[in-house]
Amino acid sequence: MAYTPTTWTDGDLITAEKLNKLEAGVQNEQVGPRGPAGPKGDTGDTGPQGPKGDTGAQGPAGKTGPQGQQGPQGAAGAAGADGKSVKAIALTTTGGAVTGGTCTLSDDSTIQITVTTTEA
């Protein structure tokens, strides 16, 4: 059913009947039937594909050269204030919690690690 809009003029009274007619018209226009399928495109023959452009002759890859010599060793990294660095850390656990440990330095001296905890 086609919707026929109301022609409003100044001073017209808006009634439930006229509003319901408007609502029904809007609802009908939101969901309409699917239209017929359009015509299929031309399926005529297409012309032959043109020749592929020349990308230039490329010769075979050359042989891989020999590996170069190893370069000189880089400068030593910054050391601690006393010239020592950490070599290894061994942690001590009690009941699954870390409770302390030992740190071995680059000169094989050791220092003890103390673990403190604070309660939240």
C-alpha atoms as a PDB file:
ATOM      1  CA  MET A   1       0.000   0.000   0.000  1.00  0.00           C
ATOM      2  CA  ALA A   2       1.493   3.310  -1.044  1.00  0.00           C
ATOM      3  CA  TYR A   3       1.795   6.086   1.478  1.00  0.00           C
ATOM      4  CA  THR A   4      -0.044   9.288   0.721  1.00  0.00           C
ATOM      5  CA  PRO A   5       1.438  12.169   2.680  1.00  0.00           C
ATOM      6  CA  THR A   6      -0.812  14.604   4.525  1.00  0.00           C
ATOM      7  CA  THR A   7      -0.752  18.161   3.187  1.00  0.00           C
ATOM      8  CA  TRP A   8      -0.485  20.335   6.272  1.00  0.00           C
ATOM      9  CA  THR A   9      -1.535  23.967   6.485  1.00  0.00           C
ATOM     10  CA  ASP A  10      -1.167  26.520   9.261  1.00  0.00           C
ATOM     11  CA  GLY A  11      -3.731  25.982  12.002  1.00  0.00           C
ATOM     12  CA  ASP A  12      -4.312  22.256  11.269  1.00  0.00           C
ATOM     13  CA  LEU A  13      -5.014  20.150  14.343  1.00  0.00           C
ATOM     14  CA  ILE A  14      -2.557  17.293  14.975  1.00  0.00           C
ATOM     15  CA  THR A  15      -4.605  14.246  15.889  1.00  0.00           C
ATOM     16  CA  ALA A  16      -3.730  10.692  16.896  1.00  0.00           C
ATOM     17  CA  GLU A  17      -5.242   9.466  13.622  1.00  0.00           C
ATOM     18  CA  LYS A  18      -2.931  11.690  11.531  1.00  0.00           C
ATOM     19  CA  LEU A  19       0.155  10.771  13.611  1.00  0.00           C
ATOM     20  CA  ASN A  20      -0.654   7.047  13.353  1.00  0.00           C
ATOM     21  CA  LYS A  21      -0.988   7.421   9.570  1.00  0.00           C
ATOM     22  CA  LEU A  22       2.479   9.044   9.496  1.00  0.00           C
ATOM     23  CA  GLU A  23       3.982   6.283  11.668  1.00  0.00           C
ATOM     24  CA  ALA A  24       2.475   3.539   9.469  1.00  0.00           C
ATOM     25  CA  GLY A  25       3.819   5.243   6.347  1.00  0.00           C
ATOM     26  CA  VAL A  26       7.326   5.480   7.787  1.00  0.00           C
ATOM     27  CA  GLN A  27       7.248   1.838   8.855  1.00  0.00           C
ATOM     28  CA  ASN A  28       6.141   0.699   5.378  1.00  0.00           C
ATOM     29  CA  GLU A  29       8.956   2.672   3.732  1.00  0.00           C
ATOM     30  CA  GLN A  30      11.684   1.202   5.964  1.00  0.00           C
ATOM     31  CA  VAL A  31      11.239  -2.399   4.789  1.00  0.00           C
ATOM     32  CA  GLY A  32      10.158  -2.762   1.225  1.00  0.00           C
ATOM     33  CA  PRO A  33      10.177  -5.712  -1.138  1.00  0.00           C
ATOM     34  CA  ARG A  34      13.389  -6.570  -2.949  1.00  0.00           C
ATOM     35  CA  GLY A  35      13.457  -5.149  -6.439  1.00  0.00           C
ATOM     36  CA  PRO A  36      14.084  -7.195  -9.563  1.00  0.00           C
ATOM     37  CA  ALA A  37      17.670  -8.011 -10.531  1.00  0.00           C
ATOM     38  CA  GLY A  38      19.237  -5.672 -13.042  1.00  0.00           C
ATOM     39  CA  PRO A  39      20.306  -6.783 -16.500  1.00  0.00           C
ATOM     40  CA  LYS A  40      23.518  -8.787 -16.817  1.00  0.00           C
ATOM     41  CA  GLY A  41      26.541  -7.073 -18.305  1.00  0.00           C
ATOM     42  CA  ASP A  42      27.814  -7.794 -21.802  1.00  0.00           C
ATOM     43  CA  THR A  43      29.710 -11.076 -21.872  1.00  0.00           C
ATOM     44  CA  GLY A  44      31.200 -10.513 -25.308  1.00  0.00           C
ATOM     45  CA  ASP A  45      34.748 -11.547 -26.176  1.00  0.00           C
ATOM     46  CA  THR A  46      37.614  -9.418 -25.023  1.00  0.00           C
ATOM     47  CA  GLY A  47      40.629  -8.743 -27.170  1.00  0.00           C
ATOM     48  CA  PRO A  48      43.840 -10.738 -26.878  1.00  0.00           C
ATOM     49  CA  GLN A  49      46.290  -9.860 -24.134  1.00  0.00           C
ATOM     50  CA  GLY A  50      49.159  -7.677 -25.285  1.00  0.00           C
ATOM     51  CA  PRO A  51      52.789  -8.786 -25.180  1.00  0.00           C
ATOM     52  CA  LYS A  52      54.631  -8.622 -21.891  1.00  0.00           C
ATOM     53  CA  GLY A  53      57.184  -5.843 -21.620  1.00  0.00           C
ATOM     54  CA  ASP A  54      60.902  -6.651 -21.644  1.00  0.00           C
ATOM     55  CA  THR A  55      62.467  -6.255 -18.205  1.00  0.00           C
ATOM     56  CA  GLY A  56      65.990  -6.529 -19.548  1.00  0.00           C
ATOM     57  CA  ALA A  57      68.330  -9.457 -19.461  1.00  0.00           C
ATOM     58  CA  GLN A  58      69.592 -10.468 -16.057  1.00  0.00           C
ATOM     59  CA  GLY A  59      72.592 -12.686 -15.829  1.00  0.00           C
ATOM     60  CA  PRO A  60      73.074 -15.442 -13.295  1.00  0.00           C
ATOM     61  CA  ALA A  61      74.019 -14.494  -9.758  1.00  0.00           C
ATOM     62  CA  GLY A  62      77.720 -14.487  -8.996  1.00  0.00           C
ATOM     63  CA  LYS A  63      79.400 -16.799  -6.508  1.00  0.00           C
ATOM     64  CA  THR A  64      79.429 -15.849  -2.851  1.00  0.00           C
ATOM     65  CA  GLY A  65      82.775 -14.446  -1.845  1.00  0.00           C
ATOM     66  CA  PRO A  66      84.882 -15.735   1.042  1.00  0.00           C
ATOM     67  CA  GLN A  67      84.055 -14.620   4.572  1.00  0.00           C
ATOM     68  CA  GLY A  68      86.045 -11.619   5.716  1.00  0.00           C
ATOM     69  CA  GLN A  69      88.366 -11.564   8.699  1.00  0.00           C
ATOM     70  CA  GLN A  70      86.983 -11.030  12.175  1.00  0.00           C
ATOM     71  CA  GLY A  71      87.185  -7.433  13.290  1.00  0.00           C
ATOM     72  CA  PRO A  72      88.997  -6.257  16.429  1.00  0.00           C
ATOM     73  CA  GLN A  73      87.395  -6.728  19.833  1.00  0.00           C
ATOM     74  CA  GLY A  74      85.296  -3.802  20.955  1.00  0.00           C
ATOM     75  CA  ALA A  75      86.086  -1.627  23.934  1.00  0.00           C
ATOM     76  CA  ALA A  76      85.276  -3.003  27.364  1.00  0.00           C
ATOM     77  CA  GLY A  77      82.001  -1.897  28.883  1.00  0.00           C
ATOM     78  CA  ALA A  78      81.853   0.463  31.812  1.00  0.00           C
ATOM     79  CA  ALA A  79      82.784  -1.153  35.106  1.00  0.00           C
ATOM     80  CA  GLY A  80      81.559  -0.251  38.540  1.00  0.00           C
ATOM     81  CA  ALA A  81      83.214   2.460  40.643  1.00  0.00           C
ATOM     82  CA  ASP A  82      85.833  -0.003  41.910  1.00  0.00           C
ATOM     83  CA  GLY A  83      86.395  -1.584  38.445  1.00  0.00           C
ATOM     84  CA  LYS A  84      84.429  -4.728  39.283  1.00  0.00           C
ATOM     85  CA  SER A  85      81.327  -6.121  37.598  1.00  0.00           C
ATOM     86  CA  VAL A  86      78.819  -8.854  38.486  1.00  0.00           C
ATOM     87  CA  LYS A  87      79.856 -12.305  37.268  1.00  0.00           C
ATOM     88  CA  ALA A  88      77.111 -14.432  38.848  1.00  0.00           C
ATOM     89  CA  ILE A  89      74.277 -14.309  41.373  1.00  0.00           C
ATOM     90  CA  ALA A  90      73.137 -17.272  43.468  1.00  0.00           C
ATOM     91  CA  LEU A  91      69.864 -16.743  45.324  1.00  0.00           C
ATOM     92  CA  THR A  92      68.815 -18.512  48.520  1.00  0.00           C
ATOM     93  CA  THR A  93      65.150 -19.462  48.916  1.00  0.00           C
ATOM     94  CA  THR A  94      63.159 -20.591  51.914  1.00  0.00           C
ATOM     95  CA  GLY A  95      59.686 -21.983  51.363  1.00  0.00           C
ATOM     96  CA  GLY A  96      59.646 -20.656  47.789  1.00  0.00           C
ATOM     97  CA  ALA A  97      60.550 -17.083  48.779  1.00  0.00           C
ATOM     98  CA  VAL A  98      63.928 -15.461  48.063  1.00  0.00           C
ATOM     99  CA  THR A  99      65.574 -14.786  51.406  1.00  0.00           C
ATOM    100  CA  GLY A 100      69.105 -13.820  50.383  1.00  0.00           C
ATOM    101  CA  GLY A 101      71.994 -14.825  48.194  1.00  0.00           C
ATOM    102  CA  THR A 102      75.595 -14.387  47.084  1.00  0.00           C
ATOM    103  CA  CYS A 103      76.922 -12.211  44.268  1.00  0.00           C
ATOM    104  CA  THR A 104      80.234 -13.195  42.648  1.00  0.00           C
ATOM    105  CA  LEU A 105      82.172 -10.288  41.116  1.00  0.00           C
ATOM    106  CA  SER A 106      84.542 -10.221  38.133  1.00  0.00           C
ATOM    107  CA  ASP A 107      87.590 -10.591  40.415  1.00  0.00           C
ATOM    108  CA  ASP A 108      85.945 -13.681  42.031  1.00  0.00           C
ATOM    109  CA  SER A 109      85.294 -11.834  45.273  1.00  0.00           C
ATOM    110  CA  THR A 110      81.792 -12.245  46.729  1.00  0.00           C
ATOM    111  CA  ILE A 111      79.267 -10.083  48.482  1.00  0.00           C
ATOM    112  CA  GLN A 112      76.181 -11.167  50.358  1.00  0.00           C
ATOM    113  CA  ILE A 113      72.701 -10.233  49.158  1.00  0.00           C
ATOM    114  CA  THR A 114      70.246  -9.263  51.869  1.00  0.00           C
ATOM    115  CA  VAL A 115      66.505  -9.380  51.154  1.00  0.00           C
ATOM    116  CA  THR A 116      64.161  -7.194  53.152  1.00  0.00           C
ATOM    117  CA  THR A 117      60.389  -7.254  52.907  1.00  0.00           C
ATOM    118  CA  THR A 118      57.726  -4.835  53.974  1.00  0.00           C
ATOM    119  CA  GLU A 119      54.217  -5.825  54.855  1.00  0.00           C
ATOM    120  CA  ALA A 120      51.480  -4.229  52.805  1.00  0.00           C
END
